[in-house]
Amino acid sequence: MNPSVPGTAVESACLEKARLKAAYNSAAENLSRAVAVMQRYLGTMRHEEYENLKKYSERMRRESERALAALERHIAEHGC
């Protein structure tokens, strides 16, 4: 199978890798922004706001971990 031929399994796998990589990058950026906001306003925001931001940050951490695991699994299974 030639990876340069459109429509081949290898090309599809590489497209999937690109999709998974973009999903991970997006999740990691969301986590980074949430943590940056927490750091910037730590000690100045109301407790309720802090707890909401903390929950959001934890959700983004889990999302980025899932996205990275999916990317790593794809790479291991498809070798691309």
Protein backbone atom coordinates (compact mmCIF):
# COMPACT_ATOMS: atom_id res chain seq x y z
CA MET A 1 0.00 0.00 0.00
CA ASN A 2 1.39 3.39 -1.00
CA PRO A 3 0.89 6.07 1.67
CA SER A 4 0.96 8.82 -0.92
CA VAL A 5 -2.09 7.48 -2.76
CA PRO A 6 -5.26 9.31 -1.67
CA GLY A 7 -7.84 7.09 -0.06
CA THR A 8 -5.42 4.47 1.23
CA ALA A 9 -5.58 3.19 4.82
CA VAL A 10 -2.24 4.82 5.64
CA GLU A 11 -3.45 8.21 4.44
CA SER A 12 -6.64 7.82 6.51
CA ALA A 13 -4.59 6.87 9.55
CA CYS A 14 -2.44 9.96 9.12
CA LEU A 15 -5.56 12.11 8.84
CA GLU A 16 -6.83 10.53 12.04
CA LYS A 17 -3.49 11.23 13.71
CA ALA A 18 -3.75 14.88 12.66
CA ARG A 19 -7.29 15.06 14.05
CA LEU A 20 -6.24 13.48 17.35
CA LYS A 21 -3.22 15.77 17.58
CA ALA A 22 -5.42 18.84 17.03
CA ALA A 23 -7.85 17.62 19.70
CA TYR A 24 -5.00 17.17 22.16
CA ASN A 25 -3.52 20.59 21.36
CA SER A 26 -6.90 22.23 21.87
CA ALA A 27 -7.49 20.48 25.20
CA ALA A 28 -3.98 21.32 26.40
CA GLU A 29 -4.44 24.98 25.46
CA ASN A 30 -7.76 25.10 27.34
CA LEU A 31 -6.08 23.64 30.40
CA SER A 32 -3.21 26.08 30.15
CA ARG A 33 -5.55 29.07 29.92
CA ALA A 34 -7.61 27.89 32.90
CA VAL A 35 -4.51 27.42 35.05
CA ALA A 36 -3.18 30.83 34.00
CA VAL A 37 -6.43 32.49 35.08
CA MET A 38 -6.34 30.64 38.39
CA GLN A 39 -2.77 31.79 39.00
CA ARG A 40 -3.50 35.37 38.04
CA TYR A 41 -6.55 35.79 40.27
CA LEU A 42 -5.63 33.47 43.13
CA GLY A 43 -6.45 35.19 46.39
CA THR A 44 -8.53 37.92 44.74
CA MET A 45 -11.57 36.01 43.47
CA ARG A 46 -14.51 34.84 45.51
CA HIS A 47 -14.31 31.29 46.81
CA GLU A 48 -17.23 30.19 44.61
CA GLU A 49 -15.51 31.56 41.49
CA TYR A 50 -12.29 29.81 42.47
CA GLU A 51 -14.08 26.49 43.00
CA ASN A 52 -15.83 26.77 39.62
CA LEU A 53 -12.54 27.54 37.88
CA LYS A 54 -10.84 24.70 39.73
CA LYS A 55 -13.55 22.26 38.58
CA TYR A 56 -13.21 23.53 35.02
CA SER A 57 -9.43 23.13 35.19
CA GLU A 58 -9.80 19.57 36.46
CA ARG A 59 -12.23 18.80 33.63
CA MET A 60 -9.78 20.23 31.09
CA ARG A 61 -6.95 18.18 32.61
CA ARG A 62 -8.99 14.98 32.24
CA GLU A 63 -9.93 15.95 28.68
CA SER A 64 -6.31 16.58 27.74
CA GLU A 65 -5.26 13.27 29.31
CA ARG A 66 -7.95 11.42 27.33
CA ALA A 67 -6.94 13.19 24.12
CA LEU A 68 -3.27 12.35 24.64
CA ALA A 69 -4.11 8.72 25.41
CA ALA A 70 -6.17 8.49 22.21
CA LEU A 71 -3.30 9.97 20.18
CA GLU A 72 -0.74 7.63 21.75
CA ARG A 73 -3.04 4.63 21.22
CA HIS A 74 -3.48 5.55 17.56
CA ILE A 75 0.27 5.90 17.06
CA ALA A 76 0.91 2.55 18.75
CA GLU A 77 -1.78 0.75 16.75
CA HIS A 78 -1.07 2.28 13.36
CA GLY A 79 2.60 3.16 13.59
CA CYS A 80 2.13 6.51 11.93
